[in-house]
Amino acid sequence: KVVTQKPAILTEQKGTSVTMDCNIEKDENKYVSWYKQIPNAAPQYVLRYYHSHSSPNQYGDGFSSSRFTSKAPSNIDYQLIISNVDVTDSAVYYCKTWDNTTAEYVSQ
């Protein structure tokens, strides 16, 4: 399974909204996890989006629906949306999902 994210670099002004895309190539598990990583720090779990759940977003500590959410335009395309962007949001964000074939998590 190949996970593809875009854009590679995203610059926005404070207070705006940003959207990051993640394509997981194959529809296997219907969920994607999003992580935030600041240089020289461990990744932080932001949220997991479950495609078929009535309440699809499950949040990590310190992240909430007031600013972070996710959508799935299709079974293989997922989005992380950050509203009211702040300087503290500056980081590398990546999505992760499960590959049934190799029985391991994959990310870009």
C-alpha atoms as a PDB file:
ATOM      1  CA  LYS A   1       0.000   0.000   0.000  1.00  0.00           C
ATOM      2  CA  VAL A   2       1.296   3.463  -0.894  1.00  0.00           C
ATOM      3  CA  VAL A   3       0.265   6.461   1.199  1.00  0.00           C
ATOM      4  CA  THR A   4       0.525   9.816  -0.562  1.00  0.00           C
ATOM      5  CA  GLN A   5       0.157  13.204   1.108  1.00  0.00           C
ATOM      6  CA  LYS A   6      -0.135  16.664  -0.383  1.00  0.00           C
ATOM      7  CA  PRO A   7       0.788  19.423  -0.348  1.00  0.00           C
ATOM      8  CA  ALA A   8       4.325  18.739   0.865  1.00  0.00           C
ATOM      9  CA  ILE A   9       4.638  22.259   2.265  1.00  0.00           C
ATOM     10  CA  LEU A  10       1.731  24.440   3.293  1.00  0.00           C
ATOM     11  CA  THR A  11       1.946  28.063   4.382  1.00  0.00           C
ATOM     12  CA  GLU A  12      -1.056  29.899   5.760  1.00  0.00           C
ATOM     13  CA  GLN A  13      -1.777  33.065   7.682  1.00  0.00           C
ATOM     14  CA  LYS A  14      -2.823  33.005  11.309  1.00  0.00           C
ATOM     15  CA  GLY A  15      -6.568  32.644  11.765  1.00  0.00           C
ATOM     16  CA  THR A  16      -7.210  30.923   8.450  1.00  0.00           C
ATOM     17  CA  SER A  17      -8.148  27.300   7.749  1.00  0.00           C
ATOM     18  CA  VAL A  18      -5.902  24.674   6.149  1.00  0.00           C
ATOM     19  CA  THR A  19      -6.635  21.315   4.555  1.00  0.00           C
ATOM     20  CA  MET A  20      -4.144  18.476   4.088  1.00  0.00           C
ATOM     21  CA  ASP A  21      -4.866  15.498   1.852  1.00  0.00           C
ATOM     22  CA  CYS A  22      -3.978  11.837   2.297  1.00  0.00           C
ATOM     23  CA  ASN A  23      -4.529   9.091  -0.287  1.00  0.00           C
ATOM     24  CA  ILE A  24      -4.175   5.495   0.957  1.00  0.00           C
ATOM     25  CA  GLU A  25      -4.315   3.758  -2.468  1.00  0.00           C
ATOM     26  CA  LYS A  26      -6.469   0.794  -1.334  1.00  0.00           C
ATOM     27  CA  ASP A  27      -9.728   0.665   0.612  1.00  0.00           C
ATOM     28  CA  GLU A  28      -9.021  -1.899   3.339  1.00  0.00           C
ATOM     29  CA  ASN A  29      -9.752  -0.624   6.825  1.00  0.00           C
ATOM     30  CA  LYS A  30     -11.722   2.587   6.362  1.00  0.00           C
ATOM     31  CA  TYR A  31      -9.689   4.619   8.831  1.00  0.00           C
ATOM     32  CA  VAL A  32      -6.700   6.915   8.904  1.00  0.00           C
ATOM     33  CA  SER A  33      -4.783   8.315  11.872  1.00  0.00           C
ATOM     34  CA  TRP A  34      -3.218  11.781  11.767  1.00  0.00           C
ATOM     35  CA  TYR A  35      -0.106  12.802  13.697  1.00  0.00           C
ATOM     36  CA  LYS A  36       1.683  16.064  14.383  1.00  0.00           C
ATOM     37  CA  GLN A  37       5.454  16.101  14.764  1.00  0.00           C
ATOM     38  CA  ILE A  38       7.589  19.008  15.893  1.00  0.00           C
ATOM     39  CA  PRO A  39      11.352  18.733  15.221  1.00  0.00           C
ATOM     40  CA  ASN A  40      13.235  16.835  17.942  1.00  0.00           C
ATOM     41  CA  ALA A  41       9.985  15.697  19.569  1.00  0.00           C
ATOM     42  CA  ALA A  42       7.895  12.547  19.508  1.00  0.00           C
ATOM     43  CA  PRO A  43       4.859  12.466  17.212  1.00  0.00           C
ATOM     44  CA  GLN A  44       1.578  13.559  18.762  1.00  0.00           C
ATOM     45  CA  TYR A  45      -1.596  11.669  17.929  1.00  0.00           C
ATOM     46  CA  VAL A  46      -4.098  14.212  16.591  1.00  0.00           C
ATOM     47  CA  LEU A  47      -7.105  12.123  15.603  1.00  0.00           C
ATOM     48  CA  ARG A  48      -8.333   8.995  13.913  1.00  0.00           C
ATOM     49  CA  TYR A  49     -11.049   9.159  11.296  1.00  0.00           C
ATOM     50  CA  TYR A  50     -13.346   6.155  10.901  1.00  0.00           C
ATOM     51  CA  HIS A  51     -15.042   6.224   7.529  1.00  0.00           C
ATOM     52  CA  SER A  52     -18.240   4.402   8.465  1.00  0.00           C
ATOM     53  CA  HIS A  53     -18.814   5.558  12.058  1.00  0.00           C
ATOM     54  CA  SER A  54     -21.563   7.962  13.059  1.00  0.00           C
ATOM     55  CA  SER A  55     -18.974   9.860  15.151  1.00  0.00           C
ATOM     56  CA  PRO A  56     -15.957   9.364  12.909  1.00  0.00           C
ATOM     57  CA  ASN A  57     -13.350  11.514  14.691  1.00  0.00           C
ATOM     58  CA  GLN A  58     -11.553  10.196  17.780  1.00  0.00           C
ATOM     59  CA  TYR A  59      -9.120  12.704  19.296  1.00  0.00           C
ATOM     60  CA  GLY A  60      -5.763  12.540  20.995  1.00  0.00           C
ATOM     61  CA  ASP A  61      -4.940  14.489  24.149  1.00  0.00           C
ATOM     62  CA  GLY A  62      -4.820  18.227  23.555  1.00  0.00           C
ATOM     63  CA  PHE A  63      -6.690  18.128  20.254  1.00  0.00           C
ATOM     64  CA  SER A  64     -10.399  18.820  19.873  1.00  0.00           C
ATOM     65  CA  SER A  65     -13.132  19.283  17.304  1.00  0.00           C
ATOM     66  CA  SER A  66     -13.116  23.039  17.889  1.00  0.00           C
ATOM     67  CA  ARG A  67     -10.085  23.330  15.591  1.00  0.00           C
ATOM     68  CA  PHE A  68      -9.187  19.881  14.250  1.00  0.00           C
ATOM     69  CA  THR A  69     -11.405  17.709  12.116  1.00  0.00           C
ATOM     70  CA  SER A  70     -11.186  15.169   9.334  1.00  0.00           C
ATOM     71  CA  LYS A  71     -13.252  14.210   6.316  1.00  0.00           C
ATOM     72  CA  ALA A  72     -13.183  11.434   3.738  1.00  0.00           C
ATOM     73  CA  PRO A  73     -14.235  12.540   0.242  1.00  0.00           C
ATOM     74  CA  SER A  74     -13.882   8.887  -0.833  1.00  0.00           C
ATOM     75  CA  ASN A  75     -12.916   5.499   0.618  1.00  0.00           C
ATOM     76  CA  ILE A  76      -9.247   6.175  -0.153  1.00  0.00           C
ATOM     77  CA  ASP A  77      -9.049   9.959   0.202  1.00  0.00           C
ATOM     78  CA  TYR A  78      -8.880  11.589   3.622  1.00  0.00           C
ATOM     79  CA  GLN A  79      -8.416  15.173   4.786  1.00  0.00           C
ATOM     80  CA  LEU A  80      -7.150  16.828   7.946  1.00  0.00           C
ATOM     81  CA  ILE A  81      -8.613  20.293   8.446  1.00  0.00           C
ATOM     82  CA  ILE A  82      -7.204  22.776  10.947  1.00  0.00           C
ATOM     83  CA  SER A  83      -9.332  25.839  11.625  1.00  0.00           C
ATOM     84  CA  ASN A  84      -8.149  29.154  13.068  1.00  0.00           C
ATOM     85  CA  VAL A  85      -4.502  28.313  12.400  1.00  0.00           C
ATOM     86  CA  ASP A  86      -1.991  29.427  15.023  1.00  0.00           C
ATOM     87  CA  VAL A  87       1.812  29.508  15.068  1.00  0.00           C
ATOM     88  CA  THR A  88       1.746  26.547  17.457  1.00  0.00           C
ATOM     89  CA  ASP A  89       0.317  24.464  14.611  1.00  0.00           C
ATOM     90  CA  SER A  90       3.605  24.684  12.695  1.00  0.00           C
ATOM     91  CA  ALA A  91       4.813  21.091  12.356  1.00  0.00           C
ATOM     92  CA  VAL A  92       5.040  18.075  10.094  1.00  0.00           C
ATOM     93  CA  TYR A  93       1.675  16.321   9.827  1.00  0.00           C
ATOM     94  CA  TYR A  94       1.351  12.809   8.526  1.00  0.00           C
ATOM     95  CA  CYS A  95      -1.359  10.220   8.085  1.00  0.00           C
ATOM     96  CA  LYS A  96      -1.020   6.533   8.880  1.00  0.00           C
ATOM     97  CA  THR A  97      -3.136   3.500   8.068  1.00  0.00           C
ATOM     98  CA  TRP A  98      -2.971  -0.286   8.239  1.00  0.00           C
ATOM     99  CA  ASP A  99      -1.827  -2.436   5.324  1.00  0.00           C
ATOM    100  CA  ASN A 100      -3.580  -5.818   5.402  1.00  0.00           C
ATOM    101  CA  THR A 101      -1.086  -7.388   2.980  1.00  0.00           C
ATOM    102  CA  THR A 102       2.053  -6.661   4.984  1.00  0.00           C
ATOM    103  CA  ALA A 103       0.296  -6.532   8.372  1.00  0.00           C
ATOM    104  CA  GLU A 104       1.952  -3.254   9.337  1.00  0.00           C
ATOM    105  CA  TYR A 105       1.193   0.436   9.586  1.00  0.00           C
ATOM    106  CA  VAL A 106       2.204   2.593   6.641  1.00  0.00           C
ATOM    107  CA  SER A 107       2.706   6.311   6.152  1.00  0.00           C
ATOM    108  CA  GLN A 108       4.423   8.448   3.576  1.00  0.00           C
END
